[in-house]
Amino acid sequence: MRRPEALTVTRLDGPAAERAEADFTLVYADAFAEPPYCETEHHVAATFQRFRSHTRKRTFRAALARTPDGTPIGMTYGSILEPQTSGWDSPGPLASDDIRRAAGRHTFGLMELAVRLPWRGLGIARRLHETLLDGVEAGRVRLHVHPASEAAQAAYRSWGYRKVGDARPWTGADLHDVMVLNLPHPPA
């Protein structure tokens, strides 16, 4: 029986997330194998080469959901965006120069959020999202989401995100929606 109240959702810093990389990889590979993503072992391996560099950022944070027996069922991670972070201008300008300059102080980049199929629809993604962002020192959150991922789109909109444009998050990627969530207490 799937009981969401029996699950644990734990926030991790970079070193802890790196130690739990196998759990993040399992959730990611499982969740992103299906359409519209259809990620292969090669895609997963490439993502987790980048994961290691993300975990070494000072502002990196992650959250991992597990069943009582320790099975990983959901994950999320991100960090404060650097001012030179791409994605504000691809394929056309999304943000003013002021927003781009402030990115390094005020914008948290949500890199990934995924829940394994048997555990969807139980509020786990929301718990992961809330745990990840609790106490983050940023005025907004930015993410990219595939426009064909209707469930993710609906969840993000219900949490207050709004679409601000389109971008290709990496070379060769499908065009994704860029969504932003303004946080209630932006840093000074």
N, C-alpha and C. Protein backbone atom coordinates (compact mmCIF):
# COMPACT_ATOMS: atom_id res chain seq x y z
N MET A 1 0.83 -1.18 0.00
CA MET A 1 0.00 0.00 0.00
C MET A 1 0.88 1.25 0.00
N ARG A 2 0.53 2.23 -0.81
CA ARG A 2 1.28 3.47 -0.90
C ARG A 2 0.71 4.46 0.10
N ARG A 3 1.47 4.77 1.12
CA ARG A 3 1.03 5.72 2.14
C ARG A 3 1.99 6.89 2.15
N PRO A 4 1.58 8.05 1.58
CA PRO A 4 2.51 9.17 1.50
C PRO A 4 2.97 9.68 2.85
N GLU A 5 2.16 9.51 3.90
CA GLU A 5 2.56 10.00 5.21
C GLU A 5 3.72 9.19 5.79
N ALA A 6 3.94 7.98 5.30
CA ALA A 6 5.03 7.14 5.79
C ALA A 6 6.35 7.42 5.08
N LEU A 7 6.32 8.27 4.08
CA LEU A 7 7.52 8.58 3.32
C LEU A 7 8.37 9.61 4.03
N THR A 8 9.66 9.60 3.74
CA THR A 8 10.53 10.66 4.23
C THR A 8 10.98 11.50 3.05
N VAL A 9 11.01 12.80 3.26
CA VAL A 9 11.56 13.74 2.29
C VAL A 9 12.65 14.50 3.02
N THR A 10 13.87 14.35 2.54
CA THR A 10 15.04 14.91 3.21
C THR A 10 15.75 15.89 2.30
N ARG A 11 16.10 17.05 2.85
CA ARG A 11 16.91 17.99 2.08
C ARG A 11 18.38 17.65 2.26
N LEU A 12 19.12 17.76 1.16
CA LEU A 12 20.53 17.41 1.15
C LEU A 12 21.37 18.57 0.61
N ASP A 13 22.57 18.70 1.13
CA ASP A 13 23.51 19.64 0.55
C ASP A 13 24.30 18.91 -0.55
N GLY A 14 25.24 19.59 -1.17
CA GLY A 14 25.99 18.99 -2.27
C GLY A 14 26.71 17.70 -1.94
N PRO A 15 27.54 17.67 -0.87
CA PRO A 15 28.23 16.42 -0.55
C PRO A 15 27.29 15.25 -0.26
N ALA A 16 26.19 15.52 0.45
CA ALA A 16 25.23 14.45 0.76
C ALA A 16 24.54 13.97 -0.51
N ALA A 17 24.20 14.90 -1.41
CA ALA A 17 23.57 14.50 -2.67
C ALA A 17 24.53 13.69 -3.53
N GLU A 18 25.79 14.06 -3.52
CA GLU A 18 26.78 13.30 -4.29
C GLU A 18 26.89 11.88 -3.76
N ARG A 19 26.85 11.71 -2.45
CA ARG A 19 26.89 10.37 -1.86
C ARG A 19 25.64 9.57 -2.23
N ALA A 20 24.52 10.26 -2.46
CA ALA A 20 23.25 9.59 -2.82
C ALA A 20 23.01 9.60 -4.33
N GLU A 21 24.05 9.81 -5.11
CA GLU A 21 23.89 9.92 -6.56
C GLU A 21 23.17 8.73 -7.17
N ALA A 22 23.42 7.53 -6.69
CA ALA A 22 22.76 6.34 -7.25
C ALA A 22 21.24 6.44 -7.07
N ASP A 23 20.78 6.98 -5.94
CA ASP A 23 19.34 7.15 -5.72
C ASP A 23 18.75 8.19 -6.67
N PHE A 24 19.46 9.31 -6.85
CA PHE A 24 19.01 10.34 -7.79
C PHE A 24 18.95 9.77 -9.21
N THR A 25 19.97 9.00 -9.57
CA THR A 25 20.05 8.42 -10.91
C THR A 25 18.89 7.45 -11.15
N LEU A 26 18.59 6.61 -10.17
CA LEU A 26 17.50 5.64 -10.30
C LEU A 26 16.17 6.36 -10.56
N VAL A 27 15.87 7.38 -9.75
CA VAL A 27 14.61 8.11 -9.91
C VAL A 27 14.58 8.80 -11.28
N TYR A 28 15.66 9.48 -11.62
CA TYR A 28 15.72 10.21 -12.88
C TYR A 28 15.53 9.26 -14.07
N ALA A 29 16.28 8.16 -14.09
CA ALA A 29 16.21 7.21 -15.22
C ALA A 29 14.80 6.64 -15.36
N ASP A 30 14.18 6.34 -14.25
CA ASP A 30 12.83 5.79 -14.25
C ASP A 30 11.81 6.81 -14.76
N ALA A 31 11.88 8.03 -14.21
CA ALA A 31 10.88 9.05 -14.53
C ALA A 31 11.03 9.61 -15.95
N PHE A 32 12.25 9.74 -16.43
CA PHE A 32 12.46 10.39 -17.72
C PHE A 32 12.63 9.40 -18.88
N ALA A 33 12.39 8.12 -18.64
CA ALA A 33 12.43 7.13 -19.73
C ALA A 33 11.17 7.21 -20.57
N GLU A 34 10.10 7.70 -19.98
CA GLU A 34 8.81 7.73 -20.67
C GLU A 34 8.65 9.02 -21.49
N PRO A 35 7.69 9.03 -22.42
CA PRO A 35 7.44 10.23 -23.21
C PRO A 35 6.97 11.38 -22.30
N PRO A 36 7.26 12.60 -22.64
CA PRO A 36 7.86 13.07 -23.88
C PRO A 36 9.38 13.07 -23.87
N TYR A 37 9.99 12.62 -22.78
CA TYR A 37 11.44 12.71 -22.63
C TYR A 37 12.19 11.58 -23.34
N CYS A 38 11.78 10.36 -23.10
CA CYS A 38 12.37 9.17 -23.74
C CYS A 38 13.89 9.14 -23.61
N GLU A 39 14.39 9.43 -22.41
CA GLU A 39 15.83 9.47 -22.20
C GLU A 39 16.42 8.06 -22.16
N THR A 40 17.55 7.90 -22.80
CA THR A 40 18.26 6.63 -22.88
C THR A 40 19.33 6.57 -21.78
N GLU A 41 19.99 5.44 -21.67
CA GLU A 41 21.10 5.31 -20.72
C GLU A 41 22.17 6.36 -20.98
N HIS A 42 22.41 6.66 -22.26
CA HIS A 42 23.41 7.68 -22.64
C HIS A 42 23.00 9.05 -22.09
N HIS A 43 21.71 9.42 -22.23
CA HIS A 43 21.23 10.70 -21.71
C HIS A 43 21.38 10.76 -20.19
N VAL A 44 21.02 9.68 -19.53
CA VAL A 44 21.11 9.63 -18.07
C VAL A 44 22.56 9.79 -17.63
N ALA A 45 23.47 9.09 -18.29
CA ALA A 45 24.89 9.20 -17.94
C ALA A 45 25.39 10.63 -18.11
N ALA A 46 24.99 11.28 -19.19
CA ALA A 46 25.40 12.67 -19.43
C ALA A 46 24.84 13.59 -18.36
N THR A 47 23.59 13.39 -17.99
CA THR A 47 22.98 14.21 -16.94
C THR A 47 23.74 14.08 -15.64
N PHE A 48 24.15 12.87 -15.31
CA PHE A 48 24.81 12.67 -14.03
C PHE A 48 26.29 12.99 -14.04
N GLN A 49 26.87 13.21 -15.21
CA GLN A 49 28.20 13.84 -15.25
C GLN A 49 28.04 15.30 -14.85
N ARG A 50 26.99 15.96 -15.34
CA ARG A 50 26.71 17.35 -14.97
C ARG A 50 26.27 17.45 -13.51
N PHE A 51 25.56 16.46 -13.01
CA PHE A 51 25.08 16.46 -11.63
C PHE A 51 26.25 16.67 -10.66
N ARG A 52 27.35 15.99 -10.91
CA ARG A 52 28.51 16.10 -10.01
C ARG A 52 29.04 17.54 -9.97
N SER A 53 29.04 18.22 -11.11
CA SER A 53 29.50 19.62 -11.09
C SER A 53 28.48 20.51 -10.38
N HIS A 54 27.20 20.21 -10.51
CA HIS A 54 26.17 20.99 -9.80
C HIS A 54 26.33 20.84 -8.29
N THR A 55 26.59 19.62 -7.82
CA THR A 55 26.66 19.39 -6.37
C THR A 55 27.80 20.16 -5.72
N ARG A 56 28.76 20.59 -6.50
CA ARG A 56 29.91 21.31 -5.95
C ARG A 56 29.69 22.82 -5.85
N LYS A 57 28.54 23.29 -6.33
CA LYS A 57 28.22 24.72 -6.21
C LYS A 57 27.85 25.04 -4.77
N ARG A 58 28.27 26.19 -4.31
CA ARG A 58 28.02 26.60 -2.92
C ARG A 58 26.53 26.65 -2.58
N THR A 59 25.69 27.03 -3.54
CA THR A 59 24.25 27.19 -3.27
C THR A 59 23.43 25.97 -3.65
N PHE A 60 24.08 24.87 -4.02
CA PHE A 60 23.35 23.65 -4.41
C PHE A 60 22.55 23.13 -3.23
N ARG A 61 21.37 22.66 -3.53
CA ARG A 61 20.54 21.94 -2.56
C ARG A 61 19.69 20.93 -3.31
N ALA A 62 19.28 19.90 -2.60
CA ALA A 62 18.50 18.82 -3.21
C ALA A 62 17.53 18.28 -2.17
N ALA A 63 16.57 17.51 -2.65
CA ALA A 63 15.66 16.79 -1.75
C ALA A 63 15.41 15.42 -2.35
N LEU A 64 15.29 14.44 -1.48
CA LEU A 64 15.10 13.06 -1.89
C LEU A 64 13.97 12.46 -1.07
N ALA A 65 13.02 11.80 -1.75
CA ALA A 65 11.90 11.12 -1.09
C ALA A 65 12.17 9.62 -1.11
N ARG A 66 11.93 8.99 0.03
CA ARG A 66 12.15 7.54 0.15
C ARG A 66 10.98 6.90 0.88
N THR A 67 10.77 5.62 0.56
CA THR A 67 9.79 4.82 1.29
C THR A 67 10.40 4.44 2.65
N PRO A 68 9.60 3.89 3.56
CA PRO A 68 10.15 3.49 4.86
C PRO A 68 11.31 2.49 4.76
N ASP A 69 11.33 1.69 3.69
CA ASP A 69 12.45 0.73 3.56
C ASP A 69 13.67 1.35 2.85
N GLY A 70 13.61 2.66 2.54
CA GLY A 70 14.75 3.35 1.94
C GLY A 70 14.75 3.44 0.43
N THR A 71 13.73 2.89 -0.23
CA THR A 71 13.67 2.93 -1.69
C THR A 71 13.45 4.37 -2.16
N PRO A 72 14.33 4.88 -3.04
CA PRO A 72 14.15 6.24 -3.54
C PRO A 72 12.98 6.31 -4.53
N ILE A 73 12.07 7.29 -4.31
CA ILE A 73 10.89 7.39 -5.18
C ILE A 73 10.72 8.77 -5.81
N GLY A 74 11.48 9.76 -5.32
CA GLY A 74 11.37 11.10 -5.89
C GLY A 74 12.60 11.91 -5.57
N MET A 75 12.88 12.89 -6.42
CA MET A 75 14.05 13.73 -6.18
C MET A 75 13.87 15.09 -6.85
N THR A 76 14.63 16.05 -6.36
CA THR A 76 14.70 17.37 -6.97
C THR A 76 16.03 18.00 -6.57
N TYR A 77 16.51 18.94 -7.41
CA TYR A 77 17.72 19.67 -7.05
C TYR A 77 17.85 20.94 -7.88
N GLY A 78 18.70 21.84 -7.38
CA GLY A 78 18.97 23.08 -8.08
C GLY A 78 19.94 23.93 -7.29
N SER A 79 20.15 25.17 -7.76
CA SER A 79 21.04 26.11 -7.09
C SER A 79 20.74 27.52 -7.58
N ILE A 80 21.29 28.49 -6.88
CA ILE A 80 21.16 29.88 -7.31
C ILE A 80 21.86 30.01 -8.66
N LEU A 81 21.20 30.67 -9.60
CA LEU A 81 21.76 30.85 -10.94
C LEU A 81 22.84 31.93 -10.93
N GLU A 82 23.88 31.68 -11.68
CA GLU A 82 24.93 32.67 -11.87
C GLU A 82 24.42 33.75 -12.82
N PRO A 83 24.94 34.98 -12.73
CA PRO A 83 24.48 36.04 -13.63
C PRO A 83 24.62 35.69 -15.11
N GLN A 84 25.63 34.90 -15.46
CA GLN A 84 25.86 34.55 -16.87
C GLN A 84 25.12 33.29 -17.31
N THR A 85 24.23 32.77 -16.46
CA THR A 85 23.48 31.56 -16.80
C THR A 85 22.71 31.76 -18.09
N SER A 86 22.83 30.78 -18.99
CA SER A 86 22.09 30.84 -20.25
C SER A 86 20.62 30.50 -20.00
N GLY A 87 19.82 30.67 -21.03
CA GLY A 87 18.42 30.31 -20.93
C GLY A 87 17.49 31.49 -20.79
N TRP A 88 18.05 32.69 -20.52
CA TRP A 88 17.21 33.88 -20.48
C TRP A 88 16.99 34.43 -21.89
N ASP A 89 17.80 34.00 -22.85
CA ASP A 89 17.77 34.61 -24.18
C ASP A 89 17.65 33.63 -25.32
N SER A 90 17.22 32.42 -25.07
CA SER A 90 17.21 31.43 -26.13
C SER A 90 15.80 30.90 -26.34
N PRO A 91 15.23 31.00 -27.52
CA PRO A 91 15.78 31.57 -28.75
C PRO A 91 15.63 33.08 -28.84
N GLY A 92 14.81 33.72 -28.00
CA GLY A 92 14.66 35.18 -28.00
C GLY A 92 14.75 35.69 -26.58
N PRO A 93 14.90 37.00 -26.38
CA PRO A 93 15.06 37.53 -25.02
C PRO A 93 13.84 37.27 -24.15
N LEU A 94 14.09 36.76 -22.94
CA LEU A 94 13.03 36.50 -21.98
C LEU A 94 13.06 37.49 -20.83
N ALA A 95 14.23 38.01 -20.55
CA ALA A 95 14.40 38.79 -19.33
C ALA A 95 15.16 40.06 -19.61
N SER A 96 14.87 41.06 -18.82
CA SER A 96 15.58 42.33 -18.94
C SER A 96 17.01 42.15 -18.46
N ASP A 97 17.85 43.13 -18.80
CA ASP A 97 19.24 43.10 -18.33
C ASP A 97 19.30 43.09 -16.81
N ASP A 98 18.37 43.82 -16.16
CA ASP A 98 18.35 43.85 -14.70
C ASP A 98 18.09 42.47 -14.11
N ILE A 99 17.16 41.73 -14.68
CA ILE A 99 16.85 40.38 -14.19
C ILE A 99 18.05 39.47 -14.41
N ARG A 100 18.68 39.55 -15.57
CA ARG A 100 19.86 38.71 -15.82
C ARG A 100 20.98 39.03 -14.85
N ARG A 101 21.23 40.32 -14.59
CA ARG A 101 22.30 40.69 -13.65
C ARG A 101 21.96 40.22 -12.24
N ALA A 102 20.69 40.27 -11.87
CA ALA A 102 20.27 39.87 -10.52
C ALA A 102 20.20 38.36 -10.35
N ALA A 103 20.32 37.60 -11.46
CA ALA A 103 20.16 36.15 -11.37
C ALA A 103 21.07 35.54 -10.32
N GLY A 104 22.29 36.00 -10.21
CA GLY A 104 23.24 35.42 -9.27
C GLY A 104 22.90 35.68 -7.82
N ARG A 105 21.98 36.58 -7.55
CA ARG A 105 21.57 36.86 -6.17
C ARG A 105 20.13 36.47 -5.91
N HIS A 106 19.30 36.47 -6.95
CA HIS A 106 17.87 36.40 -6.71
C HIS A 106 17.13 35.27 -7.40
N THR A 107 17.77 34.49 -8.24
CA THR A 107 17.05 33.45 -8.99
C THR A 107 17.60 32.07 -8.66
N PHE A 108 16.72 31.22 -8.17
CA PHE A 108 17.07 29.82 -7.91
C PHE A 108 16.69 29.03 -9.15
N GLY A 109 17.60 28.26 -9.68
CA GLY A 109 17.33 27.41 -10.83
C GLY A 109 16.96 26.01 -10.39
N LEU A 110 15.70 25.63 -10.58
CA LEU A 110 15.25 24.28 -10.28
C LEU A 110 15.64 23.42 -11.48
N MET A 111 16.63 22.57 -11.29
CA MET A 111 17.18 21.78 -12.39
C MET A 111 16.33 20.55 -12.73
N GLU A 112 15.93 19.81 -11.73
CA GLU A 112 15.15 18.58 -11.94
C GLU A 112 14.17 18.38 -10.80
N LEU A 113 13.03 17.81 -11.14
CA LEU A 113 12.03 17.38 -10.17
C LEU A 113 11.35 16.17 -10.79
N ALA A 114 11.41 15.03 -10.11
CA ALA A 114 10.85 13.80 -10.67
C ALA A 114 10.35 12.88 -9.57
N VAL A 115 9.25 12.19 -9.88
CA VAL A 115 8.69 11.17 -8.99
C VAL A 115 8.45 9.93 -9.85
N ARG A 116 8.84 8.79 -9.32
CA ARG A 116 8.66 7.53 -10.05
C ARG A 116 7.17 7.24 -10.22
N LEU A 117 6.82 6.63 -11.34
CA LEU A 117 5.43 6.44 -11.76
C LEU A 117 4.51 5.86 -10.68
N PRO A 118 4.87 4.78 -9.99
CA PRO A 118 3.92 4.22 -9.02
C PRO A 118 3.58 5.17 -7.87
N TRP A 119 4.36 6.22 -7.69
CA TRP A 119 4.19 7.11 -6.55
C TRP A 119 3.62 8.47 -6.94
N ARG A 120 3.21 8.64 -8.17
CA ARG A 120 2.67 9.93 -8.61
C ARG A 120 1.23 10.10 -8.13
N GLY A 121 0.81 11.35 -8.03
CA GLY A 121 -0.55 11.66 -7.64
C GLY A 121 -0.80 11.63 -6.14
N LEU A 122 0.26 11.56 -5.35
CA LEU A 122 0.13 11.48 -3.89
C LEU A 122 0.65 12.73 -3.19
N GLY A 123 1.01 13.76 -3.95
CA GLY A 123 1.53 14.99 -3.36
C GLY A 123 3.02 14.96 -3.06
N ILE A 124 3.72 13.94 -3.54
CA ILE A 124 5.15 13.82 -3.26
C ILE A 124 5.94 14.91 -3.98
N ALA A 125 5.58 15.22 -5.21
CA ALA A 125 6.29 16.28 -5.94
C ALA A 125 6.17 17.60 -5.19
N ARG A 126 4.99 17.91 -4.69
CA ARG A 126 4.81 19.15 -3.93
C ARG A 126 5.68 19.15 -2.67
N ARG A 127 5.72 18.01 -1.96
CA ARG A 127 6.56 17.92 -0.75
C ARG A 127 8.03 18.11 -1.09
N LEU A 128 8.47 17.51 -2.19
CA LEU A 128 9.85 17.68 -2.62
C LEU A 128 10.13 19.16 -2.93
N HIS A 129 9.23 19.78 -3.69
CA HIS A 129 9.36 21.18 -4.09
C HIS A 129 9.44 22.08 -2.86
N GLU A 130 8.53 21.88 -1.91
CA GLU A 130 8.51 22.70 -0.70
C GLU A 130 9.77 22.50 0.13
N THR A 131 10.22 21.26 0.25
CA THR A 131 11.44 20.98 1.02
C THR A 131 12.65 21.63 0.36
N LEU A 132 12.73 21.54 -0.95
CA LEU A 132 13.86 22.13 -1.67
C LEU A 132 13.92 23.64 -1.48
N LEU A 133 12.77 24.30 -1.57
CA LEU A 133 12.75 25.76 -1.54
C LEU A 133 12.66 26.37 -0.14
N ASP A 134 12.39 25.55 0.88
CA ASP A 134 12.28 26.08 2.24
C ASP A 134 13.58 26.78 2.64
N GLY A 135 13.47 28.09 2.89
CA GLY A 135 14.64 28.85 3.34
C GLY A 135 15.58 29.30 2.24
N VAL A 136 15.25 29.03 0.97
CA VAL A 136 16.14 29.44 -0.11
C VAL A 136 16.18 30.98 -0.15
N GLU A 137 17.35 31.52 -0.35
CA GLU A 137 17.52 32.97 -0.40
C GLU A 137 17.49 33.43 -1.85
N ALA A 138 16.29 33.56 -2.37
CA ALA A 138 16.08 34.00 -3.75
C ALA A 138 14.71 34.65 -3.84
N GLY A 139 14.55 35.49 -4.84
CA GLY A 139 13.28 36.15 -5.05
C GLY A 139 12.38 35.42 -6.02
N ARG A 140 13.00 34.51 -6.79
CA ARG A 140 12.21 33.77 -7.79
C ARG A 140 12.89 32.43 -8.04
N VAL A 141 12.10 31.54 -8.64
CA VAL A 141 12.59 30.23 -9.09
C VAL A 141 12.35 30.16 -10.59
N ARG A 142 13.34 29.65 -11.32
CA ARG A 142 13.19 29.46 -12.76
C ARG A 142 13.40 28.00 -13.07
N LEU A 143 12.59 27.49 -14.01
CA LEU A 143 12.76 26.11 -14.46
C LEU A 143 12.39 26.02 -15.93
N HIS A 144 12.80 24.94 -16.55
CA HIS A 144 12.41 24.60 -17.91
C HIS A 144 11.56 23.34 -17.82
N VAL A 145 10.45 23.31 -18.57
CA VAL A 145 9.61 22.11 -18.58
C VAL A 145 9.17 21.84 -20.01
N HIS A 146 9.19 20.57 -20.37
CA HIS A 146 8.77 20.18 -21.72
C HIS A 146 7.29 20.51 -21.88
N PRO A 147 6.91 21.19 -22.96
CA PRO A 147 5.50 21.58 -23.11
C PRO A 147 4.54 20.39 -23.23
N ALA A 148 5.04 19.22 -23.63
CA ALA A 148 4.17 18.04 -23.75
C ALA A 148 4.00 17.31 -22.41
N SER A 149 4.71 17.74 -21.39
CA SER A 149 4.57 17.11 -20.07
C SER A 149 3.42 17.78 -19.33
N GLU A 150 2.21 17.33 -19.65
CA GLU A 150 1.00 17.99 -19.15
C GLU A 150 0.89 17.94 -17.63
N ALA A 151 1.25 16.83 -17.02
CA ALA A 151 1.14 16.72 -15.56
C ALA A 151 2.10 17.69 -14.88
N ALA A 152 3.33 17.77 -15.37
CA ALA A 152 4.29 18.71 -14.78
C ALA A 152 3.82 20.14 -14.98
N GLN A 153 3.34 20.45 -16.18
CA GLN A 153 2.84 21.80 -16.46
C GLN A 153 1.73 22.16 -15.49
N ALA A 154 0.78 21.25 -15.30
CA ALA A 154 -0.36 21.52 -14.41
C ALA A 154 0.10 21.71 -12.97
N ALA A 155 1.03 20.88 -12.52
CA ALA A 155 1.54 21.00 -11.15
C ALA A 155 2.22 22.35 -10.96
N TYR A 156 3.11 22.72 -11.87
CA TYR A 156 3.82 23.99 -11.72
C TYR A 156 2.86 25.17 -11.72
N ARG A 157 1.88 25.14 -12.61
CA ARG A 157 0.90 26.25 -12.64
C ARG A 157 0.12 26.30 -11.31
N SER A 158 -0.25 25.14 -10.77
CA SER A 158 -1.01 25.13 -9.52
C SER A 158 -0.17 25.64 -8.34
N TRP A 159 1.16 25.56 -8.46
CA TRP A 159 2.05 26.05 -7.41
C TRP A 159 2.40 27.53 -7.59
N GLY A 160 1.88 28.15 -8.67
CA GLY A 160 2.10 29.58 -8.87
C GLY A 160 3.08 29.97 -9.95
N TYR A 161 3.64 29.00 -10.67
CA TYR A 161 4.57 29.32 -11.76
C TYR A 161 3.80 29.90 -12.93
N ARG A 162 4.48 30.76 -13.69
CA ARG A 162 3.91 31.29 -14.93
C ARG A 162 4.96 31.17 -16.03
N LYS A 163 4.47 30.94 -17.23
CA LYS A 163 5.37 30.83 -18.38
C LYS A 163 5.84 32.23 -18.76
N VAL A 164 7.17 32.36 -18.97
CA VAL A 164 7.73 33.65 -19.39
C VAL A 164 8.37 33.58 -20.77
N GLY A 165 8.44 32.38 -21.36
CA GLY A 165 9.03 32.26 -22.69
C GLY A 165 9.37 30.81 -23.01
N ASP A 166 10.18 30.65 -24.04
CA ASP A 166 10.63 29.34 -24.51
C ASP A 166 12.15 29.33 -24.58
N ALA A 167 12.75 28.17 -24.37
CA ALA A 167 14.21 28.04 -24.47
C ALA A 167 14.57 26.60 -24.76
N ARG A 168 15.76 26.42 -25.28
CA ARG A 168 16.37 25.10 -25.42
C ARG A 168 17.39 24.98 -24.29
N PRO A 169 17.10 24.17 -23.27
CA PRO A 169 17.97 24.13 -22.11
C PRO A 169 19.37 23.59 -22.39
N TRP A 170 19.55 22.87 -23.46
CA TRP A 170 20.87 22.41 -23.88
C TRP A 170 20.83 22.23 -25.38
N THR A 171 21.98 22.21 -25.99
CA THR A 171 22.09 22.05 -27.44
C THR A 171 21.42 20.76 -27.87
N GLY A 172 20.52 20.86 -28.84
CA GLY A 172 19.82 19.69 -29.36
C GLY A 172 18.54 19.36 -28.63
N ALA A 173 18.24 20.07 -27.54
CA ALA A 173 17.02 19.79 -26.77
C ALA A 173 15.80 20.32 -27.51
N ASP A 174 14.66 19.70 -27.23
CA ASP A 174 13.39 20.25 -27.69
C ASP A 174 13.20 21.62 -27.04
N LEU A 175 12.38 22.43 -27.67
CA LEU A 175 12.03 23.71 -27.09
C LEU A 175 11.21 23.46 -25.82
N HIS A 176 11.60 24.07 -24.72
CA HIS A 176 10.93 23.93 -23.43
C HIS A 176 10.28 25.25 -23.03
N ASP A 177 9.26 25.17 -22.20
CA ASP A 177 8.69 26.37 -21.60
C ASP A 177 9.60 26.81 -20.46
N VAL A 178 9.86 28.10 -20.37
CA VAL A 178 10.57 28.67 -19.23
C VAL A 178 9.50 29.20 -18.30
N MET A 179 9.52 28.73 -17.06
CA MET A 179 8.52 29.14 -16.07
C MET A 179 9.22 29.76 -14.88
N VAL A 180 8.54 30.74 -14.28
CA VAL A 180 9.09 31.46 -13.14
C VAL A 180 8.05 31.49 -12.02
N LEU A 181 8.53 31.32 -10.80
CA LEU A 181 7.71 31.45 -9.60
C LEU A 181 8.33 32.55 -8.75
N ASN A 182 7.57 33.59 -8.44
CA ASN A 182 8.04 34.63 -7.53
C ASN A 182 7.83 34.13 -6.11
N LEU A 183 8.89 34.22 -5.31
CA LEU A 183 8.83 33.76 -3.92
C LEU A 183 8.34 34.91 -3.04
N PRO A 184 7.70 34.59 -1.91
CA PRO A 184 7.06 35.62 -1.10
C PRO A 184 8.03 36.57 -0.39
N HIS A 185 9.22 36.12 -0.08
CA HIS A 185 10.15 36.97 0.68
C HIS A 185 11.49 37.05 -0.03
N PRO A 186 11.59 37.89 -1.09
CA PRO A 186 12.86 37.99 -1.80
C PRO A 186 13.95 38.57 -0.93
N PRO A 187 15.21 38.19 -1.17
CA PRO A 187 16.31 38.73 -0.38
C PRO A 187 16.52 40.21 -0.68
N ALA A 188 17.13 40.91 0.25
CA ALA A 188 17.39 42.34 0.05
C ALA A 188 18.50 42.57 -0.96
